[in-house]
Protein backbone atom coordinates (compact mmCIF):
# COMPACT_ATOMS: atom_id res chain seq x y z
CA MET A 1 0.00 0.00 0.00
CA ARG A 2 2.84 2.39 0.92
CA SER A 3 4.54 1.68 -2.41
CA LEU A 4 1.27 2.33 -4.25
CA LEU A 5 0.84 5.64 -2.41
CA LEU A 6 4.36 6.72 -3.26
CA PHE A 7 3.75 5.79 -6.88
CA CYS A 8 0.55 7.83 -7.02
CA LEU A 9 2.22 10.83 -5.39
CA SER A 10 5.10 10.48 -7.81
CA GLY A 11 2.62 10.44 -10.69
CA PHE A 12 0.95 13.58 -9.36
CA TRP A 13 4.17 15.53 -9.25
CA LEU A 14 5.19 14.27 -12.65
CA CYS A 15 1.95 15.85 -13.94
CA THR A 16 2.90 19.27 -12.59
CA ARG A 17 5.16 21.55 -14.56
CA ALA A 18 8.15 23.60 -13.58
CA ALA A 19 6.29 26.67 -14.80
CA ASP A 20 3.44 26.19 -12.30
CA LYS A 21 3.32 28.95 -9.72
CA ASN A 22 1.71 29.55 -6.37
CA ILE A 23 0.53 33.12 -5.78
CA THR A 24 1.73 33.07 -2.17
CA ASP A 25 5.29 32.65 -3.42
CA PHE A 26 4.93 36.08 -4.99
CA GLY A 27 3.67 37.75 -1.83
CA ALA A 28 -0.08 37.19 -2.04
CA LYS A 29 -1.82 37.02 1.33
CA GLY A 30 -5.14 35.27 1.81
CA ASP A 31 -6.32 37.46 4.69
CA GLY A 32 -9.18 39.17 2.78
CA THR A 33 -7.77 42.66 3.35
CA THR A 34 -4.36 42.83 1.64
CA LEU A 35 -4.65 44.03 -1.97
CA ASN A 36 -2.93 41.30 -3.99
CA THR A 37 -3.31 42.63 -7.54
CA ALA A 38 0.43 43.06 -8.17
CA ALA A 39 1.41 39.76 -6.51
CA ILE A 40 -1.13 37.72 -8.48
CA GLN A 41 -0.12 39.41 -11.73
CA LYS A 42 3.54 38.63 -11.06
CA ALA A 43 2.65 34.95 -10.62
CA ILE A 44 0.71 34.93 -13.89
CA ASP A 45 3.49 36.71 -15.76
CA ALA A 46 6.13 34.37 -14.38
CA CYS A 47 4.09 31.33 -15.34
CA ALA A 48 3.57 32.62 -18.87
CA GLY A 49 7.22 33.59 -19.17
CA SER A 50 8.28 30.03 -18.28
CA GLY A 51 6.17 28.50 -21.04
CA GLY A 52 2.83 28.34 -19.25
CA GLY A 53 1.14 26.13 -16.69
CA LYS A 54 -1.09 26.60 -13.67
CA VAL A 55 -1.22 29.46 -11.20
CA PHE A 56 -2.43 28.05 -7.88
CA PHE A 57 -4.66 29.86 -5.44
CA PRO A 58 -4.42 27.98 -2.12
CA GLU A 59 -7.07 28.21 0.60
CA GLY A 60 -7.68 31.81 1.64
CA ASN A 61 -9.41 35.03 0.59
CA TYR A 62 -7.30 37.01 -1.89
CA LEU A 63 -8.41 40.60 -2.46
CA SER A 64 -7.56 41.99 -5.90
CA GLY A 65 -8.28 44.47 -8.64
CA THR A 66 -7.98 43.67 -12.35
CA ILE A 67 -5.71 40.74 -13.18
CA GLU A 68 -4.86 39.78 -16.76
CA LEU A 69 -4.52 36.21 -17.99
CA LYS A 70 -1.63 35.43 -20.36
CA ASP A 71 -1.02 32.73 -22.99
CA ASN A 72 -0.94 29.12 -21.77
CA VAL A 73 -1.93 30.00 -18.21
CA VAL A 74 -4.68 28.35 -16.16
CA LEU A 75 -5.85 29.79 -12.85
CA HIS A 76 -6.42 26.88 -10.46
CA PHE A 77 -8.50 27.54 -7.36
CA GLN A 78 -8.06 24.96 -4.65
CA LYS A 79 -10.93 24.18 -2.31
CA GLY A 80 -11.46 27.05 0.08
CA ALA A 81 -9.68 29.56 -2.17
CA THR A 82 -11.53 32.76 -3.09
CA LEU A 83 -10.48 35.61 -5.35
CA LEU A 84 -12.24 38.65 -3.88
CA GLY A 85 -12.90 41.68 -6.04
CA SER A 86 -11.85 44.96 -4.47
CA THR A 87 -14.62 47.36 -3.47
CA ASP A 88 -12.50 50.26 -4.76
CA ILE A 89 -13.71 51.11 -8.26
CA GLU A 90 -10.29 52.54 -9.12
CA ALA A 91 -8.71 49.08 -8.73
CA TYR A 92 -10.11 48.01 -12.11
CA ARG A 93 -8.95 48.50 -15.68
CA ASN A 94 -10.83 48.42 -18.98
CA LEU A 95 -8.75 46.64 -21.63
CA ASP A 96 -11.54 46.49 -24.23
CA PRO A 97 -14.08 49.33 -23.95
CA PHE A 98 -17.46 49.08 -25.68
CA THR A 99 -21.07 50.27 -25.39
CA GLU A 100 -23.81 47.83 -24.37
CA GLY A 101 -27.45 47.69 -25.51
CA LEU A 102 -28.73 50.47 -23.26
CA GLY A 103 -26.02 52.85 -24.51
CA ILE A 104 -23.75 52.59 -21.45
CA ASP A 105 -19.95 52.44 -21.75
CA VAL A 106 -18.70 49.21 -20.15
CA GLY A 107 -15.79 46.74 -20.15
CA TRP A 108 -13.96 46.95 -16.81
CA ALA A 109 -13.34 43.51 -15.28
CA LEU A 110 -11.80 41.61 -12.37
CA VAL A 111 -10.31 38.78 -14.46
CA VAL A 112 -9.62 39.58 -18.10
CA ALA A 113 -7.86 38.03 -21.10
CA VAL A 114 -7.39 39.91 -24.36
CA ASP A 115 -5.94 38.35 -27.53
CA ARG A 116 -4.71 35.24 -25.68
CA LYS A 117 -4.63 31.53 -26.40
CA ASN A 118 -4.83 28.33 -24.37
CA ILE A 119 -6.15 29.81 -21.15
CA GLY A 120 -8.41 28.59 -18.39
CA ILE A 121 -9.96 28.87 -14.97
CA GLU A 122 -10.62 25.73 -12.93
CA GLY A 123 -10.88 24.20 -9.50
CA ALA A 124 -13.14 23.95 -6.47
CA GLY A 125 -12.72 27.59 -5.41
CA THR A 126 -14.62 30.83 -5.96
CA ILE A 127 -14.36 34.19 -7.67
CA ASP A 128 -16.44 36.72 -5.74
CA GLY A 129 -16.90 40.24 -7.08
CA GLN A 130 -18.55 41.61 -3.92
CA GLY A 131 -21.01 43.42 -6.15
CA SER A 132 -23.27 44.91 -3.48
CA LYS A 133 -20.36 46.21 -1.37
CA LEU A 134 -18.70 47.55 -4.52
CA LYS A 135 -21.88 49.39 -5.51
CA ALA A 136 -22.30 50.85 -2.02
CA ALA A 137 -18.75 52.23 -2.11
CA HIS A 138 -19.12 53.41 -5.70
CA ILE A 139 -22.25 55.50 -5.23
CA LEU A 140 -20.58 57.46 -2.45
CA LYS A 141 -18.15 58.87 -5.04
CA ASP A 142 -20.21 58.85 -8.26
CA ILE A 143 -23.29 61.10 -8.09
CA ARG A 144 -24.59 60.30 -11.56
CA PRO A 145 -27.97 58.50 -11.81
CA GLU A 146 -27.65 54.72 -11.39
CA GLY A 147 -28.68 54.16 -15.01
CA GLN A 148 -25.52 56.00 -16.09
CA ARG A 149 -22.95 54.98 -13.50
CA TRP A 150 -23.52 51.20 -13.34
CA GLY A 151 -21.35 50.59 -16.42
CA ARG A 152 -18.26 51.73 -14.55
CA ARG A 153 -18.52 48.72 -12.27
CA PRO A 154 -16.51 45.66 -13.33
CA PHE A 155 -17.58 42.41 -14.91
CA LEU A 156 -16.34 39.36 -13.03
CA LEU A 157 -14.75 37.63 -16.05
CA ARG A 158 -14.01 38.91 -19.57
CA VAL A 159 -12.50 36.84 -22.39
CA VAL A 160 -11.79 38.94 -25.49
CA ARG A 161 -10.57 37.59 -28.86
CA CYS A 162 -9.07 34.47 -27.30
CA THR A 163 -8.64 30.93 -28.62
CA ASP A 164 -8.85 27.65 -26.69
CA VAL A 165 -10.56 28.67 -23.47
CA GLN A 166 -11.78 26.41 -20.68
CA VAL A 167 -13.69 27.48 -17.60
CA LYS A 168 -14.84 24.64 -15.37
CA ASP A 169 -15.88 23.64 -11.86
CA VAL A 170 -15.43 27.03 -10.18
CA THR A 171 -18.09 29.15 -8.51
CA LEU A 172 -18.66 32.69 -9.79
CA LYS A 173 -20.42 35.03 -7.39
CA TYR A 174 -21.75 38.55 -7.04
CA ALA A 175 -20.36 40.45 -10.01
CA GLY A 176 -20.38 44.23 -10.11
CA ALA A 177 -22.04 44.05 -13.56
CA TRP A 178 -22.08 41.10 -16.02
CA THR A 179 -20.76 37.89 -14.49
CA SER A 180 -18.96 36.43 -17.52
CA HIS A 181 -18.54 37.87 -21.00
CA TYR A 182 -16.85 35.99 -23.86
CA PHE A 183 -16.25 38.20 -26.92
CA GLN A 184 -15.10 37.14 -30.41
CA SER A 185 -13.39 34.05 -29.06
CA LYS A 186 -13.11 30.50 -30.42
CA ASN A 187 -12.96 26.99 -29.04
CA ILE A 188 -14.57 27.66 -25.66
CA ARG A 189 -15.61 25.02 -23.16
CA ILE A 190 -17.68 26.02 -20.13
CA GLU A 191 -18.78 23.26 -17.79
CA ASN A 192 -19.86 22.46 -14.25
CA LEU A 193 -20.00 26.10 -13.21
CA LYS A 194 -21.99 27.36 -10.27
CA ILE A 195 -23.03 30.98 -10.74
CA VAL A 196 -24.80 32.98 -8.04
CA SER A 197 -24.71 36.59 -9.16
CA VAL A 198 -27.48 38.73 -7.73
CA GLY A 199 -27.75 41.88 -5.65
CA VAL A 200 -27.05 44.59 -8.25
CA ALA A 201 -28.53 45.30 -11.67
CA HIS A 202 -27.16 43.83 -14.91
CA ASN A 203 -25.83 40.60 -13.38
CA ASP A 204 -26.03 38.51 -16.58
CA GLY A 205 -24.81 34.95 -15.98
CA ILE A 206 -23.10 33.46 -19.04
CA GLY A 207 -22.72 35.95 -21.92
CA ILE A 208 -21.56 34.68 -25.32
CA ASP A 209 -20.81 37.61 -27.65
CA GLY A 210 -19.76 36.81 -31.23
CA CYS A 211 -18.05 33.53 -30.30
CA GLN A 212 -17.64 30.29 -32.25
CA GLU A 213 -17.15 26.61 -31.48
CA VAL A 214 -18.58 26.84 -27.97
CA THR A 215 -19.73 24.09 -25.61
CA ILE A 216 -21.62 24.86 -22.40
CA ARG A 217 -22.52 21.92 -20.15
CA ASN A 218 -23.97 21.17 -16.74
CA CYS A 219 -23.98 24.66 -15.29
CA ASP A 220 -26.20 25.99 -12.51
CA VAL A 221 -26.91 29.69 -12.95
CA GLU A 222 -28.77 32.07 -10.64
CA SER A 223 -28.49 35.55 -12.08
CA GLY A 224 -29.87 39.00 -11.44
CA ASP A 225 -30.20 39.55 -15.19
CA ASP A 226 -30.36 37.16 -18.17
CA ALA A 227 -29.03 33.73 -17.22
CA LEU A 228 -27.74 32.46 -20.60
CA VAL A 229 -27.46 35.25 -23.14
CA PHE A 230 -26.03 35.40 -26.66
CA LYS A 231 -25.01 38.79 -28.05
CA THR A 232 -23.20 40.24 -31.03
CA THR A 233 -21.99 43.69 -30.07
CA SER A 234 -19.93 43.79 -33.28
CA SER A 235 -20.92 42.97 -36.86
CA LYS A 236 -17.53 41.37 -37.53
CA MET A 237 -18.04 37.94 -35.93
CA ALA A 238 -21.15 35.80 -35.59
CA CYS A 239 -22.21 33.55 -32.75
CA ARG A 240 -21.80 30.22 -34.56
CA ASN A 241 -21.55 26.49 -33.83
CA ILE A 242 -22.64 26.54 -30.22
CA LYS A 243 -24.06 23.74 -28.09
CA ALA A 244 -25.51 24.15 -24.61
CA ASN A 245 -27.13 21.41 -22.57
CA GLY A 246 -27.93 20.31 -19.06
CA LEU A 247 -28.30 23.82 -17.63
CA ARG A 248 -30.36 25.04 -14.67
CA LEU A 249 -31.24 28.69 -15.16
CA LYS A 250 -32.82 31.07 -12.67
CA SER A 251 -33.02 34.73 -13.55
CA ASN A 252 -34.50 38.09 -12.66
CA GLN A 253 -34.83 38.60 -16.41
CA ALA A 254 -34.76 35.91 -19.14
CA GLY A 255 -33.67 32.31 -18.85
CA ILE A 256 -32.40 31.96 -22.45
CA LYS A 257 -31.90 35.05 -24.62
CA MET A 258 -30.40 36.00 -27.99
CA GLY A 259 -29.97 39.76 -28.36
CA THR A 260 -30.71 42.48 -27.76
CA GLU A 261 -27.23 43.45 -28.98
CA SER A 262 -27.53 41.73 -32.35
CA MET A 263 -25.32 43.11 -35.14
CA ALA A 264 -23.77 39.86 -36.42
CA ASP A 265 -25.58 36.57 -36.96
CA PHE A 266 -26.60 33.81 -34.58
CA GLU A 267 -26.37 30.50 -36.41
CA ASN A 268 -25.97 26.77 -35.84
CA ILE A 269 -26.94 26.94 -32.18
CA GLN A 270 -28.43 24.05 -30.20
CA ILE A 271 -29.77 24.42 -26.66
CA THR A 272 -31.15 21.22 -25.16
CA ASP A 273 -32.33 19.64 -21.92
CA CYS A 274 -32.42 22.71 -19.72
CA ILE A 275 -34.52 23.82 -16.75
CA ILE A 276 -35.61 27.44 -16.45
CA TYR A 277 -37.28 28.49 -13.23
CA ASP A 278 -38.33 31.50 -11.16
CA THR A 279 -37.66 34.11 -13.82
CA ARG A 280 -39.10 37.59 -13.44
CA ASN A 281 -39.19 38.13 -17.18
CA GLY A 282 -39.31 35.84 -20.21
CA GLY A 283 -38.41 32.21 -20.42
CA ILE A 284 -37.00 32.13 -23.98
CA LYS A 285 -36.40 35.37 -25.92
CA LEU A 286 -34.87 35.51 -29.41
CA LEU A 287 -34.38 39.11 -30.53
CA SER A 288 -32.80 40.44 -33.70
CA VAL A 289 -33.06 44.22 -33.69
CA ASP A 290 -29.63 45.42 -34.92
CA GLY A 291 -29.28 43.49 -38.20
CA ALA A 292 -28.57 39.89 -37.18
CA GLN A 293 -29.79 36.82 -38.99
CA ILE A 294 -30.99 34.22 -36.50
CA LYS A 295 -30.81 30.95 -38.39
CA ASN A 296 -30.42 27.23 -37.83
CA VAL A 297 -31.27 27.51 -34.15
CA ILE A 298 -32.83 24.60 -32.24
CA ILE A 299 -34.07 24.92 -28.66
CA SER A 300 -35.56 21.68 -27.33
CA GLY A 301 -36.21 19.71 -24.19
CA ILE A 302 -36.85 22.78 -22.04
CA LYS A 303 -38.86 22.76 -18.81
CA MET A 304 -39.94 26.13 -17.46
CA THR A 305 -41.67 26.75 -14.13
CA ASN A 306 -42.79 29.97 -12.44
CA ILE A 307 -41.69 32.09 -15.38
CA ARG A 308 -43.23 35.18 -16.95
CA THR A 309 -44.16 35.17 -20.65
CA PRO A 310 -42.74 31.86 -21.90
CA VAL A 311 -41.66 32.89 -25.43
CA LEU A 312 -40.89 36.19 -27.20
CA LEU A 313 -39.51 36.22 -30.76
CA ARG A 314 -38.80 39.66 -32.19
CA LEU A 315 -37.44 41.03 -35.46
CA GLY A 316 -37.00 44.79 -35.12
CA SER A 317 -35.16 47.76 -36.57
CA ARG A 318 -33.41 49.46 -33.67
CA LEU A 319 -30.11 49.18 -35.61
CA SER A 320 -27.74 50.29 -32.87
CA VAL A 321 -23.93 50.37 -33.10
CA PHE A 322 -22.02 49.40 -29.95
CA ARG A 323 -18.35 49.86 -30.83
CA LYS A 324 -18.16 53.44 -31.96
CA GLY A 325 -15.60 54.10 -34.68
CA GLN A 326 -15.12 50.35 -35.23
CA ASP A 327 -18.46 49.41 -36.77
CA VAL A 328 -21.24 50.68 -39.02
CA GLN A 329 -25.00 50.43 -38.83
CA GLN A 330 -26.52 47.23 -40.28
CA GLN A 331 -29.70 46.60 -42.24
CA THR A 332 -32.71 44.92 -40.61
CA GLY A 333 -32.03 41.21 -40.13
CA LEU A 334 -34.12 38.05 -40.47
CA PHE A 335 -35.08 34.71 -38.92
CA GLU A 336 -34.56 31.44 -40.80
CA ASN A 337 -35.01 27.83 -39.66
CA VAL A 338 -35.60 28.52 -35.98
CA VAL A 339 -37.13 25.56 -34.12
CA LEU A 340 -38.58 25.45 -30.61
CA LYS A 341 -39.85 22.01 -29.62
CA ASN A 342 -40.52 19.70 -26.68
CA ILE A 343 -41.10 22.57 -24.29
CA THR A 344 -43.28 22.80 -21.21
CA ALA A 345 -43.90 26.09 -19.44
CA VAL A 346 -45.88 27.01 -16.33
CA SER A 347 -46.32 30.75 -15.97
CA ALA A 348 -46.16 32.67 -12.74
CA ASP A 349 -49.48 34.13 -11.64
CA SER A 350 -48.05 37.64 -11.98
CA THR A 351 -46.52 38.66 -15.33
CA GLN A 352 -45.21 41.77 -17.09
CA LEU A 353 -48.49 42.02 -19.00
CA LYS A 354 -51.87 42.90 -17.54
CA SER A 355 -53.08 39.44 -18.61
CA ALA A 356 -50.56 36.72 -19.35
CA SER A 357 -49.85 35.55 -22.92
CA GLY A 358 -47.89 32.45 -23.89
CA ILE A 359 -46.07 33.15 -27.17
CA LEU A 360 -45.40 36.55 -28.76
CA ILE A 361 -43.95 36.62 -32.29
CA THR A 362 -43.65 39.90 -34.19
CA GLY A 363 -41.69 41.62 -36.92
CA VAL A 364 -42.12 45.19 -38.11
CA PRO A 365 -43.91 46.63 -41.16
CA GLY A 366 -41.90 45.72 -44.25
CA HIS A 367 -39.77 43.15 -42.42
CA LYS A 368 -41.60 39.98 -41.51
CA ILE A 369 -40.30 37.54 -38.96
CA SER A 370 -40.17 34.16 -40.71
CA GLY A 371 -38.93 30.59 -40.83
CA ILE A 372 -40.14 29.55 -37.37
CA THR A 373 -41.34 26.12 -36.20
CA LEU A 374 -43.05 25.54 -32.86
CA GLU A 375 -43.69 21.89 -32.05
CA LYS A 376 -44.81 19.92 -29.00
CA ILE A 377 -45.20 22.89 -26.70
CA HIS A 378 -47.39 22.86 -23.58
CA ILE A 379 -48.04 26.12 -21.73
CA THR A 380 -50.03 26.77 -18.54
CA LEU A 381 -51.12 30.36 -17.89
CA PRO A 382 -53.09 32.10 -15.12
CA GLY A 383 -55.81 33.40 -17.47
CA GLY A 384 -58.14 36.21 -16.49
CA GLY A 385 -58.09 38.21 -19.73
CA ALA A 386 -61.13 40.46 -20.24
CA ALA A 387 -63.23 40.65 -23.39
CA GLY A 388 -62.16 44.23 -24.13
CA GLU A 389 -58.51 43.16 -24.23
CA ALA A 390 -59.20 41.27 -27.45
CA GLU A 391 -59.34 44.66 -29.22
CA ALA A 392 -56.04 45.91 -27.84
CA MET A 393 -53.77 47.86 -30.20
CA VAL A 394 -50.20 46.68 -29.67
CA PRO A 395 -47.40 49.25 -30.19
CA GLU A 396 -45.11 48.63 -33.16
CA ALA A 397 -42.04 49.89 -31.23
CA ILE A 398 -40.02 49.52 -34.44
CA ASP A 399 -36.77 51.01 -33.13
CA GLN A 400 -37.22 50.35 -29.42
CA TYR A 401 -35.41 48.11 -26.96
CA PRO A 402 -37.26 44.79 -27.30
CA GLU A 403 -38.92 43.61 -24.11
CA VAL A 404 -42.22 41.93 -23.33
CA LYS A 405 -43.42 45.13 -21.66
CA THR A 406 -42.59 47.04 -24.86
CA PHE A 407 -45.65 45.44 -26.42
CA GLY A 408 -47.90 45.74 -23.38
CA PRO A 409 -49.79 46.31 -21.30
CA VAL A 410 -52.22 44.05 -23.18
CA ILE A 411 -51.84 41.44 -25.92
CA PRO A 412 -55.10 40.51 -27.76
CA ALA A 413 -54.58 36.73 -27.41
CA TYR A 414 -53.70 34.49 -24.51
CA GLY A 415 -52.04 31.66 -26.44
CA LEU A 416 -50.25 32.79 -29.61
CA TRP A 417 -49.91 36.33 -30.94
CA LEU A 418 -48.48 36.66 -34.47
CA ARG A 419 -47.84 39.95 -36.30
CA HIS A 420 -45.80 40.80 -39.41
CA ALA A 421 -44.88 37.15 -39.86
CA GLN A 422 -44.58 34.52 -42.59
CA GLN A 423 -43.62 30.88 -42.98
CA ILE A 424 -44.70 29.97 -39.47
CA ARG A 425 -45.38 26.33 -38.61
CA VAL A 426 -47.09 25.40 -35.34
CA LYS A 427 -47.81 21.77 -34.49
CA ASP A 428 -49.02 20.18 -31.26
CA LEU A 429 -49.34 23.38 -29.25
CA GLU A 430 -51.43 23.16 -26.09
CA VAL A 431 -52.26 26.20 -23.97
CA VAL A 432 -54.17 25.86 -20.70
CA THR A 433 -55.39 28.66 -18.41
CA LYS A 434 -56.24 28.33 -14.73
CA LYS A 435 -59.03 30.90 -14.95
CA GLU A 436 -61.42 31.99 -17.68
CA ASP A 437 -59.94 34.12 -20.44
CA GLN A 438 -62.18 36.13 -22.76
CA ARG A 439 -59.54 36.80 -25.40
CA PRO A 440 -58.99 34.65 -28.50
CA ALA A 441 -56.46 31.86 -28.16
CA VAL A 442 -54.72 33.04 -31.35
CA PHE A 443 -54.46 36.46 -32.97
CA MET A 444 -52.80 36.98 -36.38
CA GLN A 445 -52.19 40.27 -38.14
CA ASP A 446 -50.26 40.71 -41.40
CA VAL A 447 -49.33 37.03 -41.52
CA GLN A 448 -48.67 34.91 -44.61
CA GLN A 449 -48.04 31.18 -44.99
CA ALA A 450 -48.81 30.03 -41.47
CA GLN A 451 -49.90 26.52 -40.46
CA LEU A 452 -51.51 25.56 -37.16
CA THR A 453 -51.97 21.81 -36.74
CA GLN A 454 -53.14 19.71 -33.79
CA CYS A 455 -53.47 22.67 -31.46
CA SER A 456 -55.51 22.59 -28.27
CA PHE A 457 -56.63 25.65 -26.35
CA ARG A 458 -58.12 24.81 -23.00
CA ALA A 459 -59.32 28.08 -21.52
CA ALA A 460 -62.84 28.44 -20.19
CA GLY A 461 -64.77 31.55 -21.17
CA THR A 462 -67.00 33.02 -23.83
CA PRO A 463 -64.68 34.88 -26.22
CA ALA A 464 -65.93 36.27 -29.50
CA SER A 465 -63.66 33.80 -31.33
CA ILE A 466 -60.97 31.21 -30.76
CA ILE A 467 -58.81 32.48 -33.63
CA THR A 468 -58.81 36.03 -34.96
CA ILE A 469 -57.12 36.83 -38.27
CA ARG A 470 -56.58 40.26 -39.81
CA SER A 471 -54.90 41.33 -43.09
CA SER A 472 -53.42 37.88 -43.66
CA ASP A 473 -53.23 35.22 -46.37
CA ALA A 474 -52.34 31.54 -46.92
CA ILE A 475 -53.33 30.41 -43.42
CA THR A 476 -53.96 26.71 -42.79
CA LEU A 477 -55.80 25.52 -39.68
CA LYS A 478 -56.13 21.80 -39.00
CA LYS A 479 -57.34 19.83 -35.99
CA ILE A 480 -57.92 22.83 -33.75
CA LYS A 481 -59.61 22.10 -30.42
CA ALA A 482 -60.90 24.64 -27.93
CA ALA A 483 -62.70 24.42 -24.60
CA ALA A 484 -64.21 27.90 -24.64
CA ARG A 485 -67.82 28.52 -25.69
CA ALA A 486 -66.89 31.01 -28.38
CA LYS A 487 -69.38 32.62 -30.69
CA VAL A 488 -67.30 31.42 -33.65
CA LEU A 489 -64.14 29.39 -33.99
CA LEU A 490 -62.69 31.74 -36.62
CA ASP A 491 -63.09 35.49 -37.01
CA ALA A 492 -61.37 36.57 -40.23
CA ASP A 493 -61.81 39.93 -41.91
CA PRO A 494 -62.88 39.96 -45.59
CA ALA A 495 -59.29 40.51 -46.76
CA SER A 496 -58.18 37.34 -44.96
CA LYS A 497 -61.16 34.99 -45.21
CA GLU A 498 -60.50 33.70 -48.71
CA GLY A 499 -56.92 32.87 -47.79
CA VAL A 500 -57.82 30.69 -44.80
CA ARG A 501 -58.16 26.93 -45.13
CA TYR A 502 -59.75 25.18 -42.18
CA ASN A 503 -59.98 21.44 -41.74
CA GLU A 504 -61.46 20.09 -38.50
CA GLY A 505 -59.73 16.75 -39.13
CA ARG A 506 -61.90 14.89 -36.66
């Protein structure tokens, strides 16, 4: 046994490299009060200068400002080790400034890598940004309104134009702004992360911004803002070839989101087998408003509970530019081959809208949202919509920030609302309400080439119709079932009636 132990220990040390460094050897102190920025950076630089390896954080609380990862360096956090972000805003640097979707200048970070390769963060330890304490200290010195000053606070982790990146096993906590932001990077693997980042605004969990060849697996995210969010803040590099699965997502905003920053495309993206729960905003939101094409996207095997507004798909024409002097305004984008299937959603009783709606899909005049398939989707809503809400006029909000509330306070359908849309295929959609709802189950306006097949709408009430269609053409309805005692199943205006084909299929 002793010989075996010696052999194993020998094997362990053979696996370490001469370039590996321990931050305490460079003067770092894990007392939670000593500022270790310079000591940690010296350890990283020495490791990189010796050909690369691991920089070890032993047990302790290591206070620091911005530290920069270098080529071939992995930060390894041993159990009980915590990198604490300083509460002094001046301890942070911005190595890649840009403007986010609300027009705020951002980019400061605690851990940052710019134009690096073969880097990583791993281990059983924690990176804690102390976001609430940082904010409290910040607002004592910065008297601007919170909506302007928040961008000065640091992200927890930023990876910018890097190749071969791995982040695994660690816990990321309490960022000052976004928790993790990966920009224009390739070959990224994110797995087994625990993220708890709440307490201040804009605490996005995992942010993928114009990255390619990305795998995200088995992460547990509790975020103050969007939990898993894809962005393209530059037109120069698409989000492409991305797979995410096995995620648990809790959020004060959306569970899964593409956009709003959406200049370059989102394509070849698969998100499967995820749980979304306790969101205070949407469950799944796909938003192209700055020129992006959203294409070849599959989201399947999703279970949502206690969420607000299960699905929002938006094609808009905000057309913002986020990297001033580096980019130009794009044309309005499009959707193509976007599939949502095998999804169950149970809405919270309180939602952003006056009366809850299940699926909102809208383009803008002259730019139809298209190429969308919804299949095997079951949604439970609170109900309670009044008859007068069926006549609601929904704002176009052509150039506005896209949110569920942007189209509120009332949507004229409880199940599926479609506007400025074409080539929409819906099969096996079931929407159930807990209380009576006097709105139609489906409302279409300016819609062409839409198919609804095997759909069931189980809301009690006496609405004027189950399906309302306005200014539309080439609409196919087949095997539609409804529980409500409606005056008519279909209410189509004269311009639409001739273009509707209805087959009970019973």
